[in-house]
Amino acid sequence: MEATSLSSSQPYPEAIDETAKATSSEAVSTASPTPVDLAMRATNPDQFVLASGGYQLVEFFAFWCPTCRSMAPVLKKLENQFAGKVQFIYLDIDDPKTNPYKQSLGYLYQPHFFLIDGQGNIIKQWVGYVEEEELTAVLGSLQ
């Protein structure tokens, strides 16, 4: 699914390591990168603050969402690339504590990304899979 880019002025596994199970006594493993633990990505909603004074990329995701899982390695890479410039926030849509943020930001469905400025204004948003190049260009253009 291609991302839908929306504008508003309103205030990871990299790959799942699935070991092939042979019916014989030996197991065959598939070659894949180290899995990203999605549980480590979830931000505690109690610690999330809009208008933090800096840029934030907020992702509403679900652990069971295949598109969210495919975005995990992209986001991890961007988080490293833009460390100190953009704070990455990952809100689990199945956590009831995220409901106020879903309502205030206008969450539609997962994954839903919001780029927020230091005053809490939505600069840009995307729904669905977003190409790494697009996110890199937008985040790289931030002053």
Protein backbone atom coordinates (compact mmCIF):
# COMPACT_ATOMS: atom_id res chain seq x y z
CA MET A 1 0.00 0.00 0.00
CA GLU A 2 1.41 3.39 -0.93
CA ALA A 3 1.35 6.16 1.65
CA THR A 4 -1.16 8.93 1.44
CA SER A 5 0.52 12.24 2.19
CA LEU A 6 -1.64 14.74 4.02
CA SER A 7 -0.83 18.30 5.04
CA SER A 8 -2.15 20.17 8.03
CA SER A 9 -1.38 23.25 10.04
CA GLN A 10 -3.10 21.85 13.13
CA PRO A 11 -1.51 22.42 16.49
CA TYR A 12 11.24 -3.03 13.54
CA PRO A 13 11.50 -6.35 12.34
CA GLU A 14 14.24 -5.83 9.76
CA ALA A 15 13.33 -9.35 8.87
CA ILE A 16 11.78 -12.04 10.99
CA ASP A 17 14.26 -14.83 11.55
CA GLU A 18 12.07 -17.76 10.74
CA THR A 19 13.92 -20.99 11.10
CA ALA A 20 12.70 -23.53 8.61
CA LYS A 21 11.75 -26.68 10.42
CA ALA A 22 12.74 -29.77 8.50
CA THR A 23 10.86 -32.99 9.06
CA SER A 24 14.17 -34.79 9.45
CA SER A 25 16.37 -34.49 12.52
CA GLU A 26 18.17 -31.41 11.17
CA ALA A 27 16.77 -27.89 11.01
CA VAL A 28 17.54 -25.56 8.15
CA SER A 29 17.73 -21.89 9.02
CA THR A 30 17.05 -19.08 6.61
CA ALA A 31 19.60 -16.29 6.32
CA SER A 32 18.14 -13.06 7.62
CA PRO A 33 19.23 -9.98 9.53
CA THR A 34 18.84 -9.75 13.27
CA PRO A 35 15.16 -9.24 14.11
CA VAL A 36 14.02 -5.92 15.53
CA ASP A 37 12.09 -6.36 18.75
CA LEU A 38 8.94 -4.35 18.13
CA ALA A 39 8.22 -4.30 21.86
CA MET A 40 11.35 -2.22 22.31
CA ARG A 41 9.93 0.37 19.90
CA ALA A 42 6.78 1.20 21.82
CA THR A 43 6.98 4.57 23.54
CA ASN A 44 5.29 4.85 26.91
CA PRO A 45 2.33 7.18 26.18
CA ASP A 46 2.70 8.66 29.67
CA GLN A 47 6.12 9.98 28.64
CA PHE A 48 5.04 11.45 25.28
CA VAL A 49 4.72 15.23 25.20
CA LEU A 50 3.46 17.20 22.21
CA ALA A 51 5.16 20.57 21.77
CA SER A 52 8.42 19.19 23.12
CA GLY A 53 10.42 22.06 21.65
CA GLY A 54 11.85 19.94 18.85
CA TYR A 55 10.74 17.95 15.84
CA GLN A 56 8.98 14.65 16.43
CA LEU A 57 8.04 11.87 14.04
CA VAL A 58 5.14 10.03 15.65
CA GLU A 59 4.13 6.63 14.33
CA PHE A 60 0.89 4.97 15.36
CA PHE A 61 1.56 1.28 14.80
CA ALA A 62 0.35 -2.18 15.78
CA PHE A 63 2.54 -5.16 16.59
CA TRP A 64 0.33 -7.36 14.40
CA CYS A 65 0.43 -4.97 11.40
CA PRO A 66 2.56 -6.30 8.48
CA THR A 67 3.07 -2.81 7.04
CA CYS A 68 4.20 -1.50 10.43
CA ARG A 69 6.61 -4.39 10.74
CA SER A 70 8.05 -3.70 7.29
CA MET A 71 8.61 -0.04 8.24
CA ALA A 72 10.58 -0.95 11.38
CA PRO A 73 14.04 -1.24 9.76
CA VAL A 74 13.49 1.98 7.79
CA LEU A 75 12.55 3.86 10.94
CA LYS A 76 15.46 2.41 12.90
CA LYS A 77 17.86 3.59 10.19
CA LEU A 78 16.29 7.07 10.10
CA GLU A 79 16.29 7.28 13.88
CA ASN A 80 20.06 6.73 13.82
CA GLN A 81 20.55 9.11 10.89
CA PHE A 82 18.55 11.97 12.43
CA ALA A 83 19.50 11.44 16.09
CA GLY A 84 19.54 14.78 17.86
CA LYS A 85 17.43 16.42 15.15
CA VAL A 86 14.17 14.45 15.29
CA GLN A 87 12.66 12.53 18.19
CA PHE A 88 11.02 9.28 17.05
CA ILE A 89 7.87 8.31 18.97
CA TYR A 90 6.15 4.94 18.48
CA LEU A 91 2.61 4.69 19.85
CA ASP A 92 0.93 1.28 19.97
CA ILE A 93 -2.66 1.70 18.78
CA ASP A 94 -3.76 -1.20 20.98
CA ASP A 95 -2.61 0.59 24.14
CA PRO A 96 -5.65 2.48 25.54
CA LYS A 97 -3.31 5.21 26.81
CA THR A 98 -2.72 6.28 23.19
CA ASN A 99 -6.42 7.09 22.62
CA PRO A 100 -6.12 10.79 23.56
CA TYR A 101 -3.27 11.18 21.05
CA LYS A 102 -5.17 9.32 18.35
CA GLN A 103 -8.08 11.72 18.83
CA SER A 104 -6.06 14.93 19.07
CA LEU A 105 -3.84 14.16 16.07
CA GLY A 106 -6.55 12.66 13.87
CA TYR A 107 -5.31 9.07 13.62
CA LEU A 108 -6.91 7.13 10.75
CA TYR A 109 -5.29 3.67 10.64
CA GLN A 110 -1.89 2.10 11.04
CA PRO A 111 0.72 2.95 10.25
CA HIS A 112 -0.02 6.65 10.52
CA PHE A 113 2.92 9.04 10.76
CA PHE A 114 2.82 12.63 11.98
CA LEU A 115 5.74 15.04 11.66
CA ILE A 116 5.27 17.57 14.44
CA ASP A 117 7.18 20.80 15.07
CA GLY A 118 8.37 22.07 18.45
CA GLN A 119 5.09 23.86 19.14
CA GLY A 120 2.99 20.74 18.55
CA ASN A 121 1.81 21.66 15.04
CA ILE A 122 1.45 18.93 12.44
CA ILE A 123 3.80 19.73 9.57
CA LYS A 124 3.09 16.65 7.48
CA GLN A 125 1.46 13.26 7.83
CA TRP A 126 1.42 9.97 5.98
CA VAL A 127 -0.90 6.98 6.14
CA GLY A 128 0.38 3.56 5.09
CA TYR A 129 3.80 2.52 3.87
CA VAL A 130 6.18 5.43 3.25
CA GLU A 131 9.25 5.10 1.06
CA GLU A 132 12.53 5.62 2.90
CA GLU A 133 13.62 8.20 0.32
CA GLU A 134 10.56 10.37 0.99
CA LEU A 135 11.03 10.32 4.76
CA THR A 136 14.75 11.01 4.36
CA ALA A 137 14.07 14.00 2.10
CA VAL A 138 11.44 15.50 4.42
CA LEU A 139 13.44 14.96 7.61
CA GLY A 140 16.60 16.20 5.91
CA SER A 141 14.89 19.44 4.93
CA LEU A 142 14.04 20.38 8.53
CA GLN A 143 15.81 23.51 9.80
